[in-house]
């Protein structure tokens, strides 16, 4: 039971982080279109 709870919480954290990152990338692309396509090396 503990393992199942741990896995559920881990999946929730990963899902929330993915959505937050996608939202950040979308907002950054709107404000500065030139920087969204350029990758730093």
PDB file of N, CA and C in Angstrom:
ATOM      1  N   UNK A   1       0.824  -1.199   0.000  1.00  0.00           N
ATOM      2  CA  UNK A   1       0.000   0.000   0.000  1.00  0.00           C
ATOM      3  C   UNK A   1       0.868   1.262   0.000  1.00  0.00           C
ATOM      4  N   UNK A   2       1.920   1.238   0.803  1.00  0.00           N
ATOM      5  CA  UNK A   2       2.825   2.387   0.861  1.00  0.00           C
ATOM      6  C   UNK A   2       3.502   2.607  -0.479  1.00  0.00           C
ATOM      7  N   UNK A   3       3.902   1.513  -1.126  1.00  0.00           N
ATOM      8  CA  UNK A   3       4.559   1.619  -2.424  1.00  0.00           C
ATOM      9  C   UNK A   3       3.620   2.223  -3.462  1.00  0.00           C
ATOM     10  N   UNK A   4       2.376   1.821  -3.448  1.00  0.00           N
ATOM     11  CA  UNK A   4       1.398   2.366  -4.395  1.00  0.00           C
ATOM     12  C   UNK A   4       1.208   3.865  -4.159  1.00  0.00           C
ATOM     13  N   UNK A   5       1.108   4.282  -2.920  1.00  0.00           N
ATOM     14  CA  UNK A   5       0.984   5.707  -2.600  1.00  0.00           C
ATOM     15  C   UNK A   5       2.195   6.493  -3.053  1.00  0.00           C
ATOM     16  N   UNK A   6       3.368   5.926  -2.831  1.00  0.00           N
ATOM     17  CA  UNK A   6       4.600   6.593  -3.258  1.00  0.00           C
ATOM     18  C   UNK A   6       4.628   6.765  -4.774  1.00  0.00           C
ATOM     19  N   UNK A   7       4.251   5.713  -5.502  1.00  0.00           N
ATOM     20  CA  UNK A   7       4.250   5.789  -6.963  1.00  0.00           C
ATOM     21  C   UNK A   7       3.227   6.794  -7.475  1.00  0.00           C
ATOM     22  N   UNK A   8       2.067   6.847  -6.846  1.00  0.00           N
ATOM     23  CA  UNK A   8       1.042   7.809  -7.251  1.00  0.00           C
ATOM     24  C   UNK A   8       1.529   9.240  -7.021  1.00  0.00           C
ATOM     25  N   UNK A   9       2.118   9.496  -5.864  1.00  0.00           N
ATOM     26  CA  UNK A   9       2.627  10.840  -5.581  1.00  0.00           C
ATOM     27  C   UNK A   9       3.764  11.222  -6.524  1.00  0.00           C
ATOM     28  N   UNK A  10       4.632  10.273  -6.823  1.00  0.00           N
ATOM     29  CA  UNK A  10       5.718  10.545  -7.754  1.00  0.00           C
ATOM     30  C   UNK A  10       5.178  10.885  -9.139  1.00  0.00           C
ATOM     31  N   UNK A  11       4.192  10.132  -9.610  1.00  0.00           N
ATOM     32  CA  UNK A  11       3.582  10.412 -10.912  1.00  0.00           C
ATOM     33  C   UNK A  11       2.912  11.785 -10.911  1.00  0.00           C
ATOM     34  N   UNK A  12       2.278  12.145  -9.805  1.00  0.00           N
ATOM     35  CA  UNK A  12       1.622  13.447  -9.704  1.00  0.00           C
ATOM     36  C   UNK A  12       2.640  14.582  -9.789  1.00  0.00           C
ATOM     37  N   UNK A  13       3.750  14.446  -9.090  1.00  0.00           N
ATOM     38  CA  UNK A  13       4.788  15.472  -9.123  1.00  0.00           C
ATOM     39  C   UNK A  13       5.368  15.609 -10.540  1.00  0.00           C
ATOM     40  N   UNK A  14       5.599  14.491 -11.202  1.00  0.00           N
ATOM     41  CA  UNK A  14       6.135  14.534 -12.564  1.00  0.00           C
ATOM     42  C   UNK A  14       5.134  15.201 -13.513  1.00  0.00           C
ATOM     43  N   UNK A  15       3.854  14.859 -13.385  1.00  0.00           N
ATOM     44  CA  UNK A  15       2.823  15.457 -14.240  1.00  0.00           C
ATOM     45  C   UNK A  15       2.723  16.958 -14.014  1.00  0.00           C
ATOM     46  N   UNK A  16       2.748  17.376 -12.759  1.00  0.00           N
ATOM     47  CA  UNK A  16       2.663  18.811 -12.461  1.00  0.00           C
ATOM     48  C   UNK A  16       3.884  19.552 -12.993  1.00  0.00           C
ATOM     49  N   UNK A  17       5.061  18.965 -12.858  1.00  0.00           N
ATOM     50  CA  UNK A  17       6.271  19.591 -13.371  1.00  0.00           C
ATOM     51  C   UNK A  17       6.268  19.704 -14.882  1.00  0.00           C
ATOM     52  N   UNK A  18       5.747  18.698 -15.551  1.00  0.00           N
ATOM     53  CA  UNK A  18       5.689  18.723 -17.013  1.00  0.00           C
ATOM     54  C   UNK A  18       4.742  19.821 -17.490  1.00  0.00           C
ATOM     55  N   UNK A  19       3.590  19.944 -16.853  1.00  0.00           N
ATOM     56  CA  UNK A  19       2.638  20.989 -17.244  1.00  0.00           C
ATOM     57  C   UNK A  19       3.203  22.366 -16.967  1.00  0.00           C
ATOM     58  N   UNK A  20       3.853  22.526 -15.830  1.00  0.00           N
ATOM     59  CA  UNK A  20       4.424  23.817 -15.474  1.00  0.00           C
ATOM     60  C   UNK A  20       5.503  24.218 -16.471  1.00  0.00           C
ATOM     61  N   UNK A  21       6.342  23.264 -16.853  1.00  0.00           N
ATOM     62  CA  UNK A  21       7.402  23.550 -17.823  1.00  0.00           C
ATOM     63  C   UNK A  21       6.816  23.894 -19.177  1.00  0.00           C
ATOM     64  N   UNK A  22       5.777  23.169 -19.607  1.00  0.00           N
ATOM     65  CA  UNK A  22       5.147  23.446 -20.896  1.00  0.00           C
ATOM     66  C   UNK A  22       4.528  24.844 -20.892  1.00  0.00           C
ATOM     67  N   UNK A  23       3.900  25.222 -19.784  1.00  0.00           N
ATOM     68  CA  UNK A  23       3.296  26.550 -19.684  1.00  0.00           C
ATOM     69  C   UNK A  23       4.379  27.625 -19.739  1.00  0.00           C
ATOM     70  N   UNK A  24       5.496  27.402 -19.041  1.00  0.00           N
ATOM     71  CA  UNK A  24       6.603  28.358 -19.051  1.00  0.00           C
ATOM     72  C   UNK A  24       7.170  28.517 -20.453  1.00  0.00           C
ATOM     73  N   UNK A  25       7.366  27.400 -21.150  1.00  0.00           N
ATOM     74  CA  UNK A  25       7.900  27.463 -22.510  1.00  0.00           C
ATOM     75  C   UNK A  25       6.949  28.206 -23.439  1.00  0.00           C
ATOM     76  N   UNK A  26       5.650  27.987 -23.294  1.00  0.00           N
ATOM     77  CA  UNK A  26       4.672  28.673 -24.142  1.00  0.00           C
ATOM     78  C   UNK A  26       4.677  30.176 -23.886  1.00  0.00           C
ATOM     79  N   UNK A  27       4.743  30.560 -22.624  1.00  0.00           N
ATOM     80  CA  UNK A  27       4.781  31.988 -22.299  1.00  0.00           C
ATOM     81  C   UNK A  27       6.063  32.623 -22.802  1.00  0.00           C
ATOM     82  N   UNK A  28       7.169  31.918 -22.693  1.00  0.00           N
ATOM     83  CA  UNK A  28       8.447  32.459 -23.158  1.00  0.00           C
ATOM     84  C   UNK A  28       8.442  32.604 -24.667  1.00  0.00           C
ATOM     85  N   UNK A  29       7.809  31.671 -25.375  1.00  0.00           N
ATOM     86  CA  UNK A  29       7.732  31.736 -26.834  1.00  0.00           C
ATOM     87  C   UNK A  29       6.880  32.923 -27.277  1.00  0.00           C
ATOM     88  N   UNK A  30       5.841  33.249 -26.513  1.00  0.00           N
ATOM     89  CA  UNK A  30       4.988  34.384 -26.861  1.00  0.00           C
ATOM     90  C   UNK A  30       5.712  35.709 -26.673  1.00  0.00           C
ATOM     91  N   UNK A  31       6.479  35.838 -25.602  1.00  0.00           N
ATOM     92  CA  UNK A  31       7.126  37.106 -25.299  1.00  0.00           C
ATOM     93  C   UNK A  31       8.364  37.342 -26.145  1.00  0.00           C
ATOM     94  N   UNK A  32       9.088  36.282 -26.481  1.00  0.00           N
ATOM     95  CA  UNK A  32      10.301  36.447 -27.284  1.00  0.00           C
ATOM     96  C   UNK A  32      10.418  35.306 -28.294  1.00  0.00           C
ATOM     97  N   UNK A  33       9.805  35.458 -29.466  1.00  0.00           N
ATOM     98  CA  UNK A  33       9.790  34.370 -30.456  1.00  0.00           C
ATOM     99  C   UNK A  33      11.187  33.969 -30.934  1.00  0.00           C
ATOM    100  N   UNK A  34      12.130  34.881 -30.944  1.00  0.00           N
ATOM    101  CA  UNK A  34      13.477  34.558 -31.416  1.00  0.00           C
ATOM    102  C   UNK A  34      14.222  33.621 -30.479  1.00  0.00           C
ATOM    103  N   UNK A  35      13.971  33.738 -29.196  1.00  0.00           N
ATOM    104  CA  UNK A  35      14.691  32.913 -28.225  1.00  0.00           C
ATOM    105  C   UNK A  35      14.106  31.511 -28.095  1.00  0.00           C
ATOM    106  N   UNK A  36      12.853  31.329 -28.473  1.00  0.00           N
ATOM    107  CA  UNK A  36      12.201  30.038 -28.291  1.00  0.00           C
ATOM    108  C   UNK A  36      12.806  28.962 -29.198  1.00  0.00           C
ATOM    109  N   UNK A  37      13.236  29.364 -30.404  1.00  0.00           N
ATOM    110  CA  UNK A  37      13.768  28.378 -31.326  1.00  0.00           C
ATOM    111  C   UNK A  37      15.281  28.210 -31.184  1.00  0.00           C
ATOM    112  N   UNK A  38      15.931  29.181 -30.584  1.00  0.00           N
ATOM    113  CA  UNK A  38      17.380  29.128 -30.428  1.00  0.00           C
ATOM    114  C   UNK A  38      17.759  28.311 -29.214  1.00  0.00           C
ATOM    115  N   UNK A  39      18.683  27.378 -29.381  1.00  0.00           N
ATOM    116  CA  UNK A  39      19.145  26.550 -28.249  1.00  0.00           C
ATOM    117  C   UNK A  39      20.558  26.973 -27.869  1.00  0.00           C
ATOM    118  N   UNK A  40      20.805  27.095 -26.576  1.00  0.00           N
ATOM    119  CA  UNK A  40      22.149  27.436 -26.127  1.00  0.00           C
ATOM    120  C   UNK A  40      23.016  26.186 -26.139  1.00  0.00           C
ATOM    121  N   UNK A  41      24.269  26.370 -26.502  1.00  0.00           N
ATOM    122  CA  UNK A  41      25.178  25.212 -26.596  1.00  0.00           C
ATOM    123  C   UNK A  41      26.224  25.235 -25.517  1.00  0.00           C
TER     124      UNK A  41
END
